[in-house]
Amino acid sequence: MGIGGHSGDAQGDEQFEIDDARTVDEIYSMILSENLEPVMSEYIYV
């Protein structure tokens, strides 16, 4: 097999969870509990 070749079926990356059952409110509260400021914005003008 040469450089950049692939063998077998592609394997998924198990580094990150793709299923998070927490609500936005739960995550917002967790961020506040770390003395951080949650920013709910689609974009920020600079």
PDB file of N, CA and C in Angstrom:
ATOM      1  N   MET A   1       0.852  -1.169   0.000  1.00  0.00           N
ATOM      2  CA  MET A   1       0.000   0.000   0.000  1.00  0.00           C
ATOM      3  C   MET A   1       0.893   1.226   0.000  1.00  0.00           C
ATOM      4  N   GLY A   2       0.577   2.184  -0.867  1.00  0.00           N
ATOM      5  CA  GLY A   2       1.379   3.392  -0.994  1.00  0.00           C
ATOM      6  C   GLY A   2       1.005   4.454   0.032  1.00  0.00           C
ATOM      7  N   ILE A   3       1.757   5.535  -0.019  1.00  0.00           N
ATOM      8  CA  ILE A   3       1.500   6.657   0.879  1.00  0.00           C
ATOM      9  C   ILE A   3       0.105   7.208   0.610  1.00  0.00           C
ATOM     10  N   GLY A   4      -0.655   7.437   1.672  1.00  0.00           N
ATOM     11  CA  GLY A   4      -2.002   7.983   1.540  1.00  0.00           C
ATOM     12  C   GLY A   4      -3.043   6.936   1.190  1.00  0.00           C
ATOM     13  N   GLY A   5      -2.636   5.663   1.124  1.00  0.00           N
ATOM     14  CA  GLY A   5      -3.579   4.602   0.790  1.00  0.00           C
ATOM     15  C   GLY A   5      -4.483   4.274   1.963  1.00  0.00           C
ATOM     16  N   HIS A   6      -5.585   3.619   1.658  1.00  0.00           N
ATOM     17  CA  HIS A   6      -6.547   3.229   2.688  1.00  0.00           C
ATOM     18  C   HIS A   6      -6.805   1.737   2.566  1.00  0.00           C
ATOM     19  N   SER A   7      -6.966   1.096   3.688  1.00  0.00           N
ATOM     20  CA  SER A   7      -7.306  -0.319   3.654  1.00  0.00           C
ATOM     21  C   SER A   7      -8.507  -0.567   4.545  1.00  0.00           C
ATOM     22  N   GLY A   8      -9.378  -1.434   4.146  1.00  0.00           N
ATOM     23  CA  GLY A   8     -10.546  -1.789   4.952  1.00  0.00           C
ATOM     24  C   GLY A   8     -11.582  -0.680   4.995  1.00  0.00           C
ATOM     25  N   ASP A   9     -12.607  -0.897   5.798  1.00  0.00           N
ATOM     26  CA  ASP A   9     -13.669   0.087   5.947  1.00  0.00           C
ATOM     27  C   ASP A   9     -13.193   1.246   6.815  1.00  0.00           C
ATOM     28  N   ALA A  10     -13.733   2.413   6.543  1.00  0.00           N
ATOM     29  CA  ALA A  10     -13.394   3.590   7.341  1.00  0.00           C
ATOM     30  C   ALA A  10     -13.897   3.407   8.768  1.00  0.00           C
ATOM     31  N   GLN A  11     -13.071   3.783   9.723  1.00  0.00           N
ATOM     32  CA  GLN A  11     -13.430   3.680  11.131  1.00  0.00           C
ATOM     33  C   GLN A  11     -13.850   5.051  11.640  1.00  0.00           C
ATOM     34  N   GLY A  12     -14.869   5.080  12.482  1.00  0.00           N
ATOM     35  CA  GLY A  12     -15.323   6.338  13.066  1.00  0.00           C
ATOM     36  C   GLY A  12     -14.346   6.841  14.112  1.00  0.00           C
ATOM     37  N   ASP A  13     -14.332   8.128  14.305  1.00  0.00           N
ATOM     38  CA  ASP A  13     -13.479   8.751  15.305  1.00  0.00           C
ATOM     39  C   ASP A  13     -14.226   8.765  16.630  1.00  0.00           C
ATOM     40  N   GLU A  14     -13.719   8.079  17.627  1.00  0.00           N
ATOM     41  CA  GLU A  14     -14.388   7.971  18.916  1.00  0.00           C
ATOM     42  C   GLU A  14     -13.894   9.018  19.905  1.00  0.00           C
ATOM     43  N   GLN A  15     -13.257  10.067  19.404  1.00  0.00           N
ATOM     44  CA  GLN A  15     -12.695  11.076  20.284  1.00  0.00           C
ATOM     45  C   GLN A  15     -13.773  11.949  20.922  1.00  0.00           C
ATOM     46  N   PHE A  16     -14.882  12.194  20.226  1.00  0.00           N
ATOM     47  CA  PHE A  16     -15.910  13.107  20.708  1.00  0.00           C
ATOM     48  C   PHE A  16     -17.257  12.416  20.784  1.00  0.00           C
ATOM     49  N   GLU A  17     -18.040  12.756  21.817  1.00  0.00           N
ATOM     50  CA  GLU A  17     -19.421  12.291  21.908  1.00  0.00           C
ATOM     51  C   GLU A  17     -20.254  13.105  20.933  1.00  0.00           C
ATOM     52  N   ILE A  18     -21.118  12.450  20.192  1.00  0.00           N
ATOM     53  CA  ILE A  18     -21.963  13.174  19.257  1.00  0.00           C
ATOM     54  C   ILE A  18     -23.397  13.271  19.749  1.00  0.00           C
ATOM     55  N   ASP A  19     -23.659  12.773  20.931  1.00  0.00           N
ATOM     56  CA  ASP A  19     -25.000  12.793  21.491  1.00  0.00           C
ATOM     57  C   ASP A  19     -24.942  13.467  22.852  1.00  0.00           C
ATOM     58  N   ASP A  20     -25.484  14.662  22.941  1.00  0.00           N
ATOM     59  CA  ASP A  20     -25.475  15.422  24.188  1.00  0.00           C
ATOM     60  C   ASP A  20     -26.917  15.731  24.557  1.00  0.00           C
ATOM     61  N   ALA A  21     -27.396  15.124  25.619  1.00  0.00           N
ATOM     62  CA  ALA A  21     -28.804  15.247  26.004  1.00  0.00           C
ATOM     63  C   ALA A  21     -29.063  16.456  26.893  1.00  0.00           C
ATOM     64  N   ARG A  22     -28.016  17.240  27.201  1.00  0.00           N
ATOM     65  CA  ARG A  22     -28.216  18.410  28.057  1.00  0.00           C
ATOM     66  C   ARG A  22     -29.020  19.484  27.323  1.00  0.00           C
ATOM     67  N   THR A  23     -29.821  20.222  28.095  1.00  0.00           N
ATOM     68  CA  THR A  23     -30.582  21.328  27.519  1.00  0.00           C
ATOM     69  C   THR A  23     -29.697  22.568  27.458  1.00  0.00           C
ATOM     70  N   VAL A  24     -30.150  23.560  26.697  1.00  0.00           N
ATOM     71  CA  VAL A  24     -29.419  24.826  26.623  1.00  0.00           C
ATOM     72  C   VAL A  24     -29.335  25.459  28.008  1.00  0.00           C
ATOM     73  N   ASP A  25     -30.426  25.386  28.767  1.00  0.00           N
ATOM     74  CA  ASP A  25     -30.427  25.945  30.129  1.00  0.00           C
ATOM     75  C   ASP A  25     -29.388  25.274  31.019  1.00  0.00           C
ATOM     76  N   GLU A  26     -29.247  23.959  30.904  1.00  0.00           N
ATOM     77  CA  GLU A  26     -28.251  23.238  31.707  1.00  0.00           C
ATOM     78  C   GLU A  26     -26.839  23.677  31.346  1.00  0.00           C
ATOM     79  N   ILE A  27     -26.565  23.789  30.072  1.00  0.00           N
ATOM     80  CA  ILE A  27     -25.230  24.191  29.629  1.00  0.00           C
ATOM     81  C   ILE A  27     -24.957  25.638  30.036  1.00  0.00           C
ATOM     82  N   TYR A  28     -25.963  26.499  29.881  1.00  0.00           N
ATOM     83  CA  TYR A  28     -25.847  27.902  30.280  1.00  0.00           C
ATOM     84  C   TYR A  28     -25.486  28.002  31.762  1.00  0.00           C
ATOM     85  N   SER A  29     -26.187  27.242  32.598  1.00  0.00           N
ATOM     86  CA  SER A  29     -25.924  27.243  34.043  1.00  0.00           C
ATOM     87  C   SER A  29     -24.535  26.717  34.365  1.00  0.00           C
ATOM     88  N   MET A  30     -24.100  25.696  33.647  1.00  0.00           N
ATOM     89  CA  MET A  30     -22.760  25.142  33.877  1.00  0.00           C
ATOM     90  C   MET A  30     -21.684  26.173  33.553  1.00  0.00           C
ATOM     91  N   ILE A  31     -21.883  26.926  32.478  1.00  0.00           N
ATOM     92  CA  ILE A  31     -20.924  27.966  32.104  1.00  0.00           C
ATOM     93  C   ILE A  31     -20.881  29.051  33.179  1.00  0.00           C
ATOM     94  N   LEU A  32     -22.057  29.481  33.653  1.00  0.00           N
ATOM     95  CA  LEU A  32     -22.117  30.478  34.726  1.00  0.00           C
ATOM     96  C   LEU A  32     -21.425  29.983  35.991  1.00  0.00           C
ATOM     97  N   SER A  33     -21.579  28.709  36.306  1.00  0.00           N
ATOM     98  CA  SER A  33     -20.982  28.155  37.526  1.00  0.00           C
ATOM     99  C   SER A  33     -19.453  28.169  37.488  1.00  0.00           C
ATOM    100  N   GLU A  34     -18.884  28.314  36.297  1.00  0.00           N
ATOM    101  CA  GLU A  34     -17.425  28.405  36.147  1.00  0.00           C
ATOM    102  C   GLU A  34     -16.964  29.863  36.086  1.00  0.00           C
ATOM    103  N   ASN A  35     -17.879  30.782  36.475  1.00  0.00           N
ATOM    104  CA  ASN A  35     -17.599  32.222  36.435  1.00  0.00           C
ATOM    105  C   ASN A  35     -17.230  32.703  35.038  1.00  0.00           C
ATOM    106  N   LEU A  36     -17.869  32.111  34.040  1.00  0.00           N
ATOM    107  CA  LEU A  36     -17.696  32.523  32.655  1.00  0.00           C
ATOM    108  C   LEU A  36     -18.988  33.166  32.174  1.00  0.00           C
ATOM    109  N   GLU A  37     -18.908  33.908  31.085  1.00  0.00           N
ATOM    110  CA  GLU A  37     -20.080  34.584  30.543  1.00  0.00           C
ATOM    111  C   GLU A  37     -20.549  33.874  29.279  1.00  0.00           C
ATOM    112  N   PRO A  38     -21.687  33.196  29.342  1.00  0.00           N
ATOM    113  CA  PRO A  38     -22.207  32.549  28.139  1.00  0.00           C
ATOM    114  C   PRO A  38     -22.693  33.606  27.144  1.00  0.00           C
ATOM    115  N   VAL A  39     -22.266  33.498  25.909  1.00  0.00           N
ATOM    116  CA  VAL A  39     -22.668  34.438  24.862  1.00  0.00           C
ATOM    117  C   VAL A  39     -23.509  33.678  23.854  1.00  0.00           C
ATOM    118  N   MET A  40     -24.749  34.121  23.710  1.00  0.00           N
ATOM    119  CA  MET A  40     -25.675  33.472  22.786  1.00  0.00           C
ATOM    120  C   MET A  40     -25.808  34.367  21.559  1.00  0.00           C
ATOM    121  N   SER A  41     -24.969  34.128  20.569  1.00  0.00           N
ATOM    122  CA  SER A  41     -24.952  34.984  19.390  1.00  0.00           C
ATOM    123  C   SER A  41     -24.611  34.165  18.159  1.00  0.00           C
ATOM    124  N   GLU A  42     -25.304  34.443  17.072  1.00  0.00           N
ATOM    125  CA  GLU A  42     -25.007  33.792  15.799  1.00  0.00           C
ATOM    126  C   GLU A  42     -23.789  34.438  15.145  1.00  0.00           C
ATOM    127  N   TYR A  43     -23.563  35.711  15.451  1.00  0.00           N
ATOM    128  CA  TYR A  43     -22.472  36.458  14.841  1.00  0.00           C
ATOM    129  C   TYR A  43     -22.089  37.604  15.765  1.00  0.00           C
ATOM    130  N   ILE A  44     -20.892  38.107  15.590  1.00  0.00           N
ATOM    131  CA  ILE A  44     -20.418  39.244  16.371  1.00  0.00           C
ATOM    132  C   ILE A  44     -19.773  40.228  15.399  1.00  0.00           C
ATOM    133  N   TYR A  45     -20.291  41.456  15.359  1.00  0.00           N
ATOM    134  CA  TYR A  45     -19.691  42.485  14.513  1.00  0.00           C
ATOM    135  C   TYR A  45     -18.435  43.011  15.191  1.00  0.00           C
ATOM    136  N   VAL A  46     -17.369  43.131  14.420  1.00  0.00           N
ATOM    137  CA  VAL A  46     -16.107  43.633  14.962  1.00  0.00           C
ATOM    138  C   VAL A  46     -15.749  44.929  14.272  1.00  0.00           C
TER     139      VAL A  46
END
